[in-house]
Amino acid sequence: MNTQSKNKNKVAGIILILVVVVCAGVITYYDRLLHTTNVEHIVETVKISTFAKSLKPIFSRPKRLVVDSIQMDLNLVPVEVGEEGVMEVPRGWDIGGWFRGSALAGEEKNLVINAHYDTDAGSPAAFWKLKNVRVGDTVVVYDVHGRSFSYKITEISYVGIDDSSRLDILRNQDGVSTITLITCGGVWSDFAHTYSARLVVKGEFLSMIY
């Protein structure tokens, strides 16, 4: 073999070695990149799955209701559905009742609060002034931890006690935090021993303050 052929073989051998080294380096780089990406993805997935529940807000029952526009400030107690299938009202004339089957303060459901309009003697009771609220007024609910949840009044209406759709006011809106305030309205009926309608004030969540 002549000198020229030997030189060509050496050059070819060197090129082959370089190609092998470069390919090995590229494979190692992408293998490390893929491995790192997978690890980071796994770590991120673990973080999300582990702490997702902890990141959800913790809601508590409402304890106090304030409506500054009508100088209303009431303590709240839980009420249930009675034996006759009707939502109870608080025993006290000057307190409000949070319906236990409804939302907690700030929760993405419908928070329902009721109270007496007047006493057996006809004197003003807890929700006597509720008829004076206006759309746009703010209702503030405080929970047992002292956090405040503000709602903006969006709708005021009267529902007859015999209206077949009267229970619709208790329904939840998916993914929306709302409040519903209920008291007596309409005309007093001696025969039924109650008022002919219910005043319904609805609002939507505005903000929360710790």
N, C-alpha and C. Protein backbone atom coordinates (compact mmCIF):
# COMPACT_ATOMS: atom_id res chain seq x y z
N MET A 1 0.86 -1.20 0.00
CA MET A 1 0.00 0.00 0.00
C MET A 1 0.89 1.24 0.00
N ASN A 2 0.59 2.18 -0.88
CA ASN A 2 1.42 3.37 -0.96
C ASN A 2 1.07 4.37 0.14
N THR A 3 1.91 5.36 0.27
CA THR A 3 1.76 6.37 1.34
C THR A 3 0.45 7.13 1.23
N GLN A 4 0.02 7.44 0.00
CA GLN A 4 -1.21 8.20 -0.21
C GLN A 4 -2.43 7.42 0.28
N SER A 5 -2.44 6.10 0.02
CA SER A 5 -3.55 5.26 0.46
C SER A 5 -3.60 5.18 1.98
N LYS A 6 -2.41 5.05 2.60
CA LYS A 6 -2.35 4.99 4.06
C LYS A 6 -2.90 6.27 4.67
N ASN A 7 -2.56 7.41 4.11
CA ASN A 7 -3.06 8.70 4.64
C ASN A 7 -4.58 8.79 4.54
N LYS A 8 -5.13 8.30 3.42
CA LYS A 8 -6.58 8.33 3.24
C LYS A 8 -7.27 7.45 4.29
N ASN A 9 -6.67 6.28 4.54
CA ASN A 9 -7.26 5.38 5.53
C ASN A 9 -7.23 6.00 6.93
N LYS A 10 -6.14 6.69 7.26
CA LYS A 10 -6.04 7.35 8.55
C LYS A 10 -7.11 8.43 8.70
N VAL A 11 -7.27 9.22 7.63
CA VAL A 11 -8.27 10.30 7.66
C VAL A 11 -9.67 9.71 7.83
N ALA A 12 -9.96 8.63 7.09
CA ALA A 12 -11.27 7.99 7.18
C ALA A 12 -11.50 7.45 8.58
N GLY A 13 -10.44 6.89 9.18
CA GLY A 13 -10.57 6.36 10.53
C GLY A 13 -10.84 7.45 11.54
N ILE A 14 -10.14 8.56 11.39
CA ILE A 14 -10.35 9.69 12.31
C ILE A 14 -11.77 10.23 12.20
N ILE A 15 -12.26 10.35 10.93
CA ILE A 15 -13.63 10.85 10.71
C ILE A 15 -14.65 9.92 11.35
N LEU A 16 -14.44 8.61 11.19
CA LEU A 16 -15.36 7.64 11.77
C LEU A 16 -15.40 7.75 13.29
N ILE A 17 -14.22 7.92 13.90
CA ILE A 17 -14.15 8.06 15.36
C ILE A 17 -14.90 9.32 15.81
N LEU A 18 -14.71 10.42 15.06
CA LEU A 18 -15.38 11.68 15.40
C LEU A 18 -16.90 11.54 15.30
N VAL A 19 -17.36 10.85 14.25
CA VAL A 19 -18.79 10.65 14.06
C VAL A 19 -19.38 9.87 15.23
N VAL A 20 -18.66 8.79 15.62
CA VAL A 20 -19.14 7.97 16.74
C VAL A 20 -19.20 8.78 18.03
N VAL A 21 -18.16 9.59 18.30
CA VAL A 21 -18.10 10.41 19.51
C VAL A 21 -19.24 11.43 19.52
N VAL A 22 -19.45 12.09 18.37
CA VAL A 22 -20.50 13.11 18.29
C VAL A 22 -21.88 12.48 18.50
N CYS A 23 -22.13 11.34 17.86
CA CYS A 23 -23.42 10.66 18.01
C CYS A 23 -23.67 10.24 19.46
N ALA A 24 -22.60 9.71 20.08
CA ALA A 24 -22.74 9.31 21.47
C ALA A 24 -23.06 10.50 22.36
N GLY A 25 -22.41 11.63 22.08
CA GLY A 25 -22.67 12.84 22.85
C GLY A 25 -24.09 13.34 22.69
N VAL A 26 -24.58 13.30 21.43
CA VAL A 26 -25.96 13.75 21.17
C VAL A 26 -26.96 12.85 21.88
N ILE A 27 -26.75 11.55 21.82
CA ILE A 27 -27.66 10.60 22.47
C ILE A 27 -27.67 10.82 23.98
N THR A 28 -26.49 10.99 24.56
CA THR A 28 -26.39 11.22 26.01
C THR A 28 -27.10 12.51 26.41
N TYR A 29 -26.93 13.57 25.61
CA TYR A 29 -27.55 14.87 25.90
C TYR A 29 -29.08 14.76 25.93
N TYR A 30 -29.65 14.15 24.85
CA TYR A 30 -31.10 14.05 24.78
C TYR A 30 -31.65 13.08 25.82
N ASP A 31 -30.88 12.05 26.17
CA ASP A 31 -31.32 11.15 27.21
C ASP A 31 -31.41 11.87 28.56
N ARG A 32 -30.39 12.70 28.85
CA ARG A 32 -30.40 13.47 30.09
C ARG A 32 -31.54 14.49 30.08
N LEU A 33 -31.74 15.13 28.93
CA LEU A 33 -32.81 16.13 28.82
C LEU A 33 -34.17 15.48 29.04
N LEU A 34 -34.38 14.31 28.41
CA LEU A 34 -35.65 13.61 28.56
C LEU A 34 -35.85 13.17 30.00
N HIS A 35 -34.80 12.65 30.61
CA HIS A 35 -34.89 12.19 31.99
C HIS A 35 -35.19 13.35 32.93
N THR A 36 -34.52 14.48 32.74
CA THR A 36 -34.74 15.66 33.58
C THR A 36 -36.16 16.18 33.43
N THR A 37 -36.65 16.23 32.17
CA THR A 37 -37.99 16.72 31.92
C THR A 37 -39.02 15.83 32.60
N ASN A 38 -38.82 14.51 32.50
CA ASN A 38 -39.75 13.59 33.12
C ASN A 38 -39.76 13.74 34.63
N VAL A 39 -38.57 13.89 35.22
CA VAL A 39 -38.47 14.06 36.67
C VAL A 39 -39.18 15.32 37.11
N GLU A 40 -38.91 16.43 36.38
CA GLU A 40 -39.56 17.69 36.74
C GLU A 40 -41.07 17.58 36.61
N HIS A 41 -41.52 16.87 35.57
CA HIS A 41 -42.96 16.70 35.37
C HIS A 41 -43.56 15.89 36.51
N ILE A 42 -42.86 14.83 36.89
CA ILE A 42 -43.34 13.98 37.98
C ILE A 42 -43.39 14.75 39.28
N VAL A 43 -42.33 15.53 39.56
CA VAL A 43 -42.29 16.32 40.79
C VAL A 43 -43.43 17.32 40.81
N GLU A 44 -43.67 17.97 39.66
CA GLU A 44 -44.73 18.97 39.59
C GLU A 44 -46.09 18.30 39.78
N THR A 45 -46.26 17.11 39.20
CA THR A 45 -47.52 16.38 39.35
C THR A 45 -47.76 16.00 40.80
N VAL A 46 -46.70 15.56 41.48
CA VAL A 46 -46.81 15.19 42.89
C VAL A 46 -47.19 16.40 43.73
N LYS A 47 -46.54 17.55 43.41
CA LYS A 47 -46.86 18.78 44.15
C LYS A 47 -48.33 19.11 44.01
N ILE A 48 -48.85 19.04 42.77
CA ILE A 48 -50.24 19.41 42.54
C ILE A 48 -51.18 18.45 43.25
N SER A 49 -50.93 17.15 43.11
CA SER A 49 -51.83 16.17 43.71
C SER A 49 -51.76 16.20 45.23
N THR A 50 -50.59 16.52 45.78
CA THR A 50 -50.43 16.50 47.23
C THR A 50 -51.06 17.70 47.90
N PHE A 51 -50.92 18.87 47.27
CA PHE A 51 -51.36 20.11 47.93
C PHE A 51 -52.65 20.68 47.38
N ALA A 52 -53.24 20.03 46.38
CA ALA A 52 -54.46 20.58 45.77
C ALA A 52 -55.57 20.78 46.80
N LYS A 53 -55.77 19.77 47.67
CA LYS A 53 -56.83 19.88 48.67
C LYS A 53 -56.51 20.97 49.68
N SER A 54 -55.23 21.12 50.00
CA SER A 54 -54.84 22.10 51.01
C SER A 54 -55.03 23.52 50.50
N LEU A 55 -55.01 23.70 49.17
CA LEU A 55 -55.13 25.03 48.61
C LEU A 55 -56.58 25.49 48.53
N LYS A 56 -57.53 24.58 48.72
CA LYS A 56 -58.92 24.97 48.67
C LYS A 56 -59.29 25.76 49.93
N PRO A 57 -60.12 26.81 49.78
CA PRO A 57 -60.51 27.59 50.96
C PRO A 57 -61.31 26.76 51.95
N ILE A 58 -61.15 27.06 53.21
CA ILE A 58 -61.91 26.38 54.27
C ILE A 58 -63.05 27.29 54.67
N PHE A 59 -64.27 26.85 54.45
CA PHE A 59 -65.44 27.67 54.74
C PHE A 59 -66.05 27.28 56.08
N SER A 60 -66.70 28.26 56.72
CA SER A 60 -67.32 28.05 58.02
C SER A 60 -68.72 28.63 58.01
N ARG A 61 -69.49 28.27 59.03
CA ARG A 61 -70.88 28.74 59.07
C ARG A 61 -70.94 30.23 59.37
N PRO A 62 -71.93 30.90 58.80
CA PRO A 62 -72.11 32.33 59.07
C PRO A 62 -72.60 32.58 60.49
N LYS A 63 -72.11 33.67 61.07
CA LYS A 63 -72.45 33.99 62.46
C LYS A 63 -73.13 35.35 62.60
N ARG A 64 -72.91 36.23 61.64
CA ARG A 64 -73.43 37.60 61.77
C ARG A 64 -73.74 38.17 60.39
N LEU A 65 -74.79 38.97 60.32
CA LEU A 65 -75.21 39.61 59.07
C LEU A 65 -75.29 41.12 59.27
N VAL A 66 -74.66 41.87 58.35
CA VAL A 66 -74.64 43.33 58.44
C VAL A 66 -75.05 43.93 57.10
N VAL A 67 -76.02 44.85 57.13
CA VAL A 67 -76.41 45.61 55.94
C VAL A 67 -76.39 47.08 56.34
N ASP A 68 -75.30 47.75 56.06
CA ASP A 68 -75.13 49.13 56.53
C ASP A 68 -76.16 50.09 55.96
N SER A 69 -76.62 49.84 54.72
CA SER A 69 -77.54 50.78 54.07
C SER A 69 -78.87 50.90 54.80
N ILE A 70 -79.22 49.88 55.60
CA ILE A 70 -80.48 49.94 56.35
C ILE A 70 -80.24 49.77 57.86
N GLN A 71 -79.00 50.00 58.29
CA GLN A 71 -78.62 49.91 59.70
C GLN A 71 -79.06 48.57 60.32
N MET A 72 -78.72 47.49 59.63
CA MET A 72 -79.07 46.16 60.12
C MET A 72 -77.82 45.42 60.57
N ASP A 73 -77.87 44.83 61.75
CA ASP A 73 -76.74 44.07 62.30
C ASP A 73 -77.32 42.95 63.17
N LEU A 74 -77.27 41.72 62.64
CA LEU A 74 -77.93 40.60 63.31
C LEU A 74 -76.97 39.45 63.59
N ASN A 75 -77.17 38.80 64.70
CA ASN A 75 -76.52 37.51 64.94
C ASN A 75 -77.32 36.43 64.23
N LEU A 76 -76.62 35.36 63.84
CA LEU A 76 -77.25 34.27 63.10
C LEU A 76 -77.14 32.96 63.86
N VAL A 77 -78.20 32.17 63.78
CA VAL A 77 -78.20 30.83 64.37
C VAL A 77 -78.63 29.84 63.29
N PRO A 78 -78.19 28.58 63.40
CA PRO A 78 -78.60 27.58 62.41
C PRO A 78 -80.09 27.23 62.54
N VAL A 79 -80.75 27.02 61.41
CA VAL A 79 -82.13 26.53 61.40
C VAL A 79 -82.22 25.34 60.46
N GLU A 80 -83.21 24.51 60.67
CA GLU A 80 -83.39 23.28 59.90
C GLU A 80 -84.70 23.33 59.12
N VAL A 81 -85.01 22.21 58.47
CA VAL A 81 -86.33 22.02 57.87
C VAL A 81 -87.18 21.27 58.89
N GLY A 82 -88.35 21.81 59.21
CA GLY A 82 -89.20 21.22 60.23
C GLY A 82 -89.89 19.95 59.76
N GLU A 83 -90.66 19.36 60.66
CA GLU A 83 -91.36 18.11 60.37
C GLU A 83 -92.34 18.24 59.21
N GLU A 84 -92.88 19.43 59.01
CA GLU A 84 -93.84 19.65 57.93
C GLU A 84 -93.17 19.96 56.61
N GLY A 85 -91.83 19.89 56.57
CA GLY A 85 -91.10 20.15 55.34
C GLY A 85 -90.91 21.62 55.05
N VAL A 86 -91.12 22.46 56.04
CA VAL A 86 -90.97 23.91 55.89
C VAL A 86 -89.73 24.37 56.65
N MET A 87 -88.98 25.29 56.04
CA MET A 87 -87.80 25.80 56.71
C MET A 87 -88.19 26.57 57.97
N GLU A 88 -87.53 26.25 59.06
CA GLU A 88 -87.81 26.91 60.32
C GLU A 88 -87.32 28.36 60.31
N VAL A 89 -87.85 29.15 61.23
CA VAL A 89 -87.33 30.50 61.48
C VAL A 89 -86.79 30.52 62.91
N PRO A 90 -85.89 31.43 63.21
CA PRO A 90 -85.33 31.48 64.57
C PRO A 90 -86.42 31.72 65.60
N ARG A 91 -86.20 31.22 66.80
CA ARG A 91 -87.16 31.43 67.88
C ARG A 91 -87.13 32.88 68.37
N GLY A 92 -85.96 33.49 68.30
CA GLY A 92 -85.84 34.88 68.73
C GLY A 92 -86.31 35.84 67.65
N TRP A 93 -86.94 36.93 68.05
CA TRP A 93 -87.43 37.92 67.09
C TRP A 93 -86.32 38.76 66.48
N ASP A 94 -85.21 38.89 67.20
CA ASP A 94 -84.16 39.83 66.77
C ASP A 94 -82.92 39.14 66.21
N ILE A 95 -83.03 37.89 65.82
CA ILE A 95 -81.89 37.18 65.23
C ILE A 95 -82.28 36.58 63.88
N GLY A 96 -81.27 36.29 63.09
CA GLY A 96 -81.50 35.67 61.79
C GLY A 96 -81.19 34.19 61.84
N GLY A 97 -81.74 33.46 60.86
CA GLY A 97 -81.51 32.02 60.81
C GLY A 97 -80.78 31.62 59.54
N TRP A 98 -79.63 30.99 59.72
CA TRP A 98 -78.90 30.44 58.57
C TRP A 98 -79.40 29.02 58.33
N PHE A 99 -79.93 28.77 57.13
CA PHE A 99 -80.43 27.45 56.78
C PHE A 99 -79.25 26.49 56.64
N ARG A 100 -79.20 25.49 57.52
CA ARG A 100 -78.07 24.59 57.61
C ARG A 100 -77.84 23.81 56.30
N GLY A 101 -78.88 23.63 55.52
CA GLY A 101 -78.73 22.90 54.26
C GLY A 101 -78.20 23.76 53.13
N SER A 102 -77.94 25.03 53.38
CA SER A 102 -77.45 25.93 52.33
C SER A 102 -75.94 26.13 52.47
N ALA A 103 -75.41 27.08 51.71
CA ALA A 103 -73.96 27.30 51.66
C ALA A 103 -73.41 27.85 52.97
N LEU A 104 -72.12 27.57 53.18
CA LEU A 104 -71.38 28.24 54.23
C LEU A 104 -70.99 29.62 53.71
N ALA A 105 -70.48 30.46 54.57
CA ALA A 105 -70.13 31.83 54.17
C ALA A 105 -69.06 31.80 53.07
N GLY A 106 -69.37 32.39 51.93
CA GLY A 106 -68.42 32.47 50.82
C GLY A 106 -68.36 31.26 49.92
N GLU A 107 -69.02 30.20 50.31
CA GLU A 107 -68.96 28.97 49.52
C GLU A 107 -69.70 29.14 48.19
N GLU A 108 -69.27 28.37 47.18
CA GLU A 108 -69.87 28.48 45.85
C GLU A 108 -71.20 27.74 45.77
N LYS A 109 -72.12 28.19 46.57
CA LYS A 109 -73.50 27.70 46.56
C LYS A 109 -74.39 28.87 47.01
N ASN A 110 -75.64 28.57 47.31
CA ASN A 110 -76.58 29.60 47.73
C ASN A 110 -76.68 29.63 49.25
N LEU A 111 -76.28 30.71 49.86
CA LEU A 111 -76.35 30.89 51.31
C LEU A 111 -77.73 31.49 51.63
N VAL A 112 -78.52 30.76 52.41
CA VAL A 112 -79.91 31.18 52.68
C VAL A 112 -80.06 31.61 54.14
N ILE A 113 -80.60 32.82 54.32
CA ILE A 113 -80.83 33.37 55.67
C ILE A 113 -82.26 33.89 55.74
N ASN A 114 -82.97 33.51 56.80
CA ASN A 114 -84.32 34.04 57.00
C ASN A 114 -84.44 34.66 58.39
N ALA A 115 -85.52 35.38 58.59
CA ALA A 115 -85.77 36.00 59.90
C ALA A 115 -87.20 36.52 59.91
N HIS A 116 -87.70 36.78 61.11
CA HIS A 116 -89.06 37.31 61.25
C HIS A 116 -89.12 38.74 60.74
N TYR A 117 -90.28 39.07 60.15
CA TYR A 117 -90.54 40.45 59.71
C TYR A 117 -91.07 41.27 60.88
N ASP A 118 -91.99 40.68 61.63
CA ASP A 118 -92.53 41.35 62.82
C ASP A 118 -92.86 40.33 63.90
N THR A 119 -93.18 40.80 65.07
CA THR A 119 -93.48 39.92 66.20
C THR A 119 -94.97 39.56 66.21
N ASP A 120 -95.35 38.70 67.16
CA ASP A 120 -96.76 38.35 67.30
C ASP A 120 -97.62 39.57 67.62
N ALA A 121 -97.00 40.56 68.22
CA ALA A 121 -97.73 41.79 68.57
C ALA A 121 -97.69 42.84 67.47
N GLY A 122 -96.99 42.51 66.37
CA GLY A 122 -96.92 43.45 65.26
C GLY A 122 -95.77 44.43 65.33
N SER A 123 -94.89 44.26 66.32
CA SER A 123 -93.72 45.15 66.44
C SER A 123 -92.63 44.71 65.45
N PRO A 124 -91.76 45.64 65.05
CA PRO A 124 -90.68 45.29 64.11
C PRO A 124 -89.78 44.18 64.66
N ALA A 125 -89.43 43.23 63.80
CA ALA A 125 -88.52 42.14 64.16
C ALA A 125 -87.24 42.27 63.33
N ALA A 126 -86.44 41.22 63.32
CA ALA A 126 -85.09 41.28 62.75
C ALA A 126 -85.05 41.78 61.30
N PHE A 127 -85.95 41.28 60.45
CA PHE A 127 -85.92 41.65 59.03
C PHE A 127 -86.97 42.71 58.67
N TRP A 128 -87.39 43.47 59.63
CA TRP A 128 -88.38 44.54 59.38
C TRP A 128 -87.89 45.53 58.33
N LYS A 129 -86.61 45.87 58.40
CA LYS A 129 -86.05 46.87 57.47
C LYS A 129 -85.61 46.29 56.13
N LEU A 130 -85.70 44.99 55.97
CA LEU A 130 -85.21 44.38 54.73
C LEU A 130 -85.93 44.92 53.50
N LYS A 131 -87.17 45.32 53.66
CA LYS A 131 -87.95 45.87 52.54
C LYS A 131 -87.37 47.17 52.01
N ASN A 132 -86.45 47.79 52.75
CA ASN A 132 -85.89 49.08 52.35
C ASN A 132 -84.58 48.96 51.55
N VAL A 133 -84.07 47.75 51.37
CA VAL A 133 -82.81 47.61 50.62
C VAL A 133 -83.05 47.90 49.14
N ARG A 134 -81.96 48.19 48.45
CA ARG A 134 -82.02 48.48 47.02
C ARG A 134 -81.00 47.62 46.28
N VAL A 135 -81.28 47.40 45.02
CA VAL A 135 -80.31 46.69 44.17
C VAL A 135 -79.00 47.50 44.17
N GLY A 136 -77.90 46.83 44.38
CA GLY A 136 -76.60 47.50 44.45
C GLY A 136 -76.08 47.65 45.86
N ASP A 137 -76.98 47.54 46.85
CA ASP A 137 -76.53 47.59 48.25
C ASP A 137 -75.65 46.39 48.56
N THR A 138 -74.85 46.52 49.62
CA THR A 138 -73.92 45.46 50.00
C THR A 138 -74.38 44.77 51.28
N VAL A 139 -74.35 43.46 51.24
CA VAL A 139 -74.64 42.63 52.41
C VAL A 139 -73.34 41.97 52.84
N VAL A 140 -73.01 42.05 54.11
CA VAL A 140 -71.77 41.46 54.62
C VAL A 140 -72.10 40.36 55.62
N VAL A 141 -71.50 39.20 55.41
CA VAL A 141 -71.69 38.06 56.31
C VAL A 141 -70.36 37.75 56.98
N TYR A 142 -70.38 37.60 58.29
CA TYR A 142 -69.18 37.24 59.05
C TYR A 142 -69.30 35.78 59.48
N ASP A 143 -68.21 35.02 59.32
CA ASP A 143 -68.27 33.63 59.76
C ASP A 143 -67.77 33.50 61.20
N VAL A 144 -67.70 32.28 61.70
CA VAL A 144 -67.33 32.06 63.10
C VAL A 144 -65.88 32.42 63.38
N HIS A 145 -65.07 32.61 62.33
CA HIS A 145 -63.66 32.99 62.51
C HIS A 145 -63.44 34.49 62.36
N GLY A 146 -64.53 35.25 62.15
CA GLY A 146 -64.42 36.69 62.02
C GLY A 146 -64.11 37.17 60.62
N ARG A 147 -64.04 36.26 59.64
CA ARG A 147 -63.81 36.68 58.26
C ARG A 147 -65.10 37.25 57.68
N SER A 148 -64.99 38.26 56.82
CA SER A 148 -66.17 38.89 56.24
C SER A 148 -66.29 38.55 54.75
N PHE A 149 -67.52 38.31 54.31
CA PHE A 149 -67.83 37.97 52.92
C PHE A 149 -68.89 38.94 52.43
N SER A 150 -68.56 39.71 51.41
CA SER A 150 -69.47 40.74 50.91
C SER A 150 -70.23 40.24 49.68
N TYR A 151 -71.52 40.60 49.64
CA TYR A 151 -72.39 40.26 48.52
C TYR A 151 -73.09 41.53 48.02
N LYS A 152 -73.26 41.62 46.72
CA LYS A 152 -73.96 42.76 46.13
C LYS A 152 -75.38 42.33 45.78
N ILE A 153 -76.37 43.09 46.26
CA ILE A 153 -77.77 42.76 45.97
C ILE A 153 -78.05 42.95 44.49
N THR A 154 -78.60 41.91 43.88
CA THR A 154 -78.86 41.93 42.44
C THR A 154 -80.34 41.82 42.09
N GLU A 155 -81.15 41.38 43.05
CA GLU A 155 -82.57 41.14 42.73
C GLU A 155 -83.43 41.21 43.99
N ILE A 156 -84.58 41.85 43.87
CA ILE A 156 -85.55 41.93 44.97
C ILE A 156 -86.92 41.55 44.41
N SER A 157 -87.57 40.60 45.05
CA SER A 157 -88.85 40.15 44.51
C SER A 157 -89.74 39.62 45.63
N TYR A 158 -91.00 39.38 45.29
CA TYR A 158 -91.95 38.78 46.21
C TYR A 158 -92.47 37.47 45.60
N VAL A 159 -92.55 36.45 46.42
CA VAL A 159 -93.02 35.14 45.96
C VAL A 159 -94.22 34.73 46.81
N GLY A 160 -95.31 34.39 46.18
CA GLY A 160 -96.50 33.98 46.90
C GLY A 160 -96.28 32.66 47.64
N ILE A 161 -96.91 32.52 48.81
CA ILE A 161 -96.69 31.31 49.60
C ILE A 161 -97.29 30.07 48.93
N ASP A 162 -98.18 30.29 47.96
CA ASP A 162 -98.77 29.17 47.23
C ASP A 162 -98.17 29.01 45.83
N ASP A 163 -97.16 29.80 45.54
CA ASP A 163 -96.50 29.72 44.22
C ASP A 163 -95.78 28.37 44.08
N SER A 164 -96.09 27.65 43.00
CA SER A 164 -95.50 26.32 42.81
C SER A 164 -93.99 26.37 42.60
N SER A 165 -93.47 27.52 42.21
CA SER A 165 -92.03 27.65 41.96
C SER A 165 -91.29 28.31 43.12
N ARG A 166 -91.96 28.41 44.28
CA ARG A 166 -91.37 29.16 45.40
C ARG A 166 -90.06 28.56 45.90
N LEU A 167 -89.86 27.27 45.74
CA LEU A 167 -88.64 26.63 46.21
C LEU A 167 -87.44 26.90 45.30
N ASP A 168 -87.70 27.48 44.13
CA ASP A 168 -86.59 27.79 43.21
C ASP A 168 -85.62 28.79 43.83
N ILE A 169 -86.09 29.59 44.77
CA ILE A 169 -85.22 30.60 45.37
C ILE A 169 -84.12 29.97 46.20
N LEU A 170 -84.26 28.69 46.52
CA LEU A 170 -83.26 27.99 47.33
C LEU A 170 -82.21 27.29 46.49
N ARG A 171 -82.38 27.27 45.19
CA ARG A 171 -81.48 26.50 44.33
C ARG A 171 -80.09 27.14 44.26
N ASN A 172 -79.11 26.28 43.96
CA ASN A 172 -77.73 26.73 43.77
C ASN A 172 -77.46 27.03 42.31
N GLN A 173 -76.55 27.95 42.06
CA GLN A 173 -76.03 28.19 40.71
C GLN A 173 -74.64 27.59 40.64
N ASP A 174 -74.40 26.73 39.68
CA ASP A 174 -73.13 26.02 39.58
C ASP A 174 -71.95 26.99 39.57
N GLY A 175 -71.03 26.79 40.51
CA GLY A 175 -69.81 27.57 40.53
C GLY A 175 -69.96 29.02 40.94
N VAL A 176 -71.14 29.39 41.46
CA VAL A 176 -71.40 30.79 41.83
C VAL A 176 -71.75 30.87 43.31
N SER A 177 -71.18 31.84 44.00
CA SER A 177 -71.47 32.08 45.41
C SER A 177 -72.55 33.16 45.51
N THR A 178 -73.71 32.78 46.04
CA THR A 178 -74.83 33.72 46.14
C THR A 178 -75.40 33.74 47.55
N ILE A 179 -76.24 34.72 47.80
CA ILE A 179 -76.93 34.82 49.09
C ILE A 179 -78.40 35.10 48.83
N THR A 180 -79.26 34.52 49.67
CA THR A 180 -80.70 34.76 49.57
C THR A 180 -81.24 35.08 50.96
N LEU A 181 -81.86 36.24 51.09
CA LEU A 181 -82.47 36.67 52.35
C LEU A 181 -83.99 36.58 52.19
N ILE A 182 -84.65 35.99 53.17
CA ILE A 182 -86.09 35.74 53.06
C ILE A 182 -86.81 36.21 54.32
N THR A 183 -87.95 36.90 54.12
CA THR A 183 -88.82 37.26 55.24
C THR A 183 -90.24 37.39 54.72
N CYS A 184 -91.16 37.68 55.61
CA CYS A 184 -92.56 37.80 55.22
C CYS A 184 -92.81 39.07 54.42
N GLY A 185 -93.81 39.00 53.55
CA GLY A 185 -94.20 40.16 52.76
C GLY A 185 -95.64 39.99 52.29
N GLY A 186 -96.12 40.97 51.56
CA GLY A 186 -97.50 40.89 51.09
C GLY A 186 -98.49 41.35 52.14
N VAL A 187 -99.62 40.66 52.21
CA VAL A 187 -100.72 41.05 53.09
C VAL A 187 -100.93 39.97 54.16
N TRP A 188 -101.20 40.41 55.39
CA TRP A 188 -101.45 39.46 56.47
C TRP A 188 -102.81 38.78 56.28
N SER A 189 -102.80 37.44 56.47
CA SER A 189 -104.03 36.68 56.35
C SER A 189 -104.38 36.09 57.72
N ASP A 190 -105.52 36.50 58.26
CA ASP A 190 -105.97 35.95 59.54
C ASP A 190 -106.31 34.46 59.40
N PHE A 191 -106.80 34.09 58.22
CA PHE A 191 -107.18 32.70 57.99
C PHE A 191 -105.94 31.79 58.00
N ALA A 192 -104.88 32.19 57.27
CA ALA A 192 -103.67 31.37 57.19
C ALA A 192 -102.71 31.66 58.34
N HIS A 193 -102.99 32.73 59.03
CA HIS A 193 -102.15 33.17 60.15
C HIS A 193 -100.69 33.40 59.69
N THR A 194 -100.55 33.99 58.53
CA THR A 194 -99.24 34.35 57.99
C THR A 194 -99.44 35.38 56.89
N TYR A 195 -98.35 35.86 56.34
CA TYR A 195 -98.44 36.81 55.23
C TYR A 195 -98.61 36.06 53.91
N SER A 196 -99.14 36.75 52.93
CA SER A 196 -99.49 36.12 51.66
C SER A 196 -98.29 35.86 50.75
N ALA A 197 -97.15 36.46 51.07
CA ALA A 197 -95.97 36.31 50.21
C ALA A 197 -94.70 36.33 51.04
N ARG A 198 -93.61 36.11 50.37
CA ARG A 198 -92.30 36.21 51.00
C ARG A 198 -91.44 37.19 50.21
N LEU A 199 -90.81 38.10 50.95
CA LEU A 199 -89.87 39.03 50.34
C LEU A 199 -88.54 38.29 50.16
N VAL A 200 -88.02 38.30 48.94
CA VAL A 200 -86.79 37.57 48.62
C VAL A 200 -85.75 38.55 48.08
N VAL A 201 -84.62 38.62 48.76
CA VAL A 201 -83.52 39.50 48.35
C VAL A 201 -82.33 38.61 47.99
N LYS A 202 -81.86 38.71 46.76
CA LYS A 202 -80.75 37.86 46.31
C LYS A 202 -79.53 38.72 45.98
N GLY A 203 -78.36 38.14 46.20
CA GLY A 203 -77.11 38.85 45.92
C GLY A 203 -76.02 37.90 45.44
N GLU A 204 -74.98 38.47 44.85
CA GLU A 204 -73.84 37.69 44.36
C GLU A 204 -72.56 38.11 45.08
N PHE A 205 -71.68 37.16 45.25
CA PHE A 205 -70.44 37.37 46.00
C PHE A 205 -69.56 38.46 45.38
N LEU A 206 -69.03 39.32 46.24
CA LEU A 206 -68.13 40.38 45.80
C LEU A 206 -66.68 40.13 46.23
N SER A 207 -66.48 39.94 47.53
CA SER A 207 -65.11 39.82 48.03
C SER A 207 -65.09 39.20 49.43
N MET A 208 -63.88 38.80 49.84
CA MET A 208 -63.70 38.24 51.17
C MET A 208 -62.53 38.95 51.85
N ILE A 209 -62.66 39.21 53.15
CA ILE A 209 -61.58 39.84 53.93
C ILE A 209 -61.29 38.95 55.12
N TYR A 210 -60.00 38.57 55.26
CA TYR A 210 -59.62 37.73 56.41
C TYR A 210 -59.52 38.59 57.66
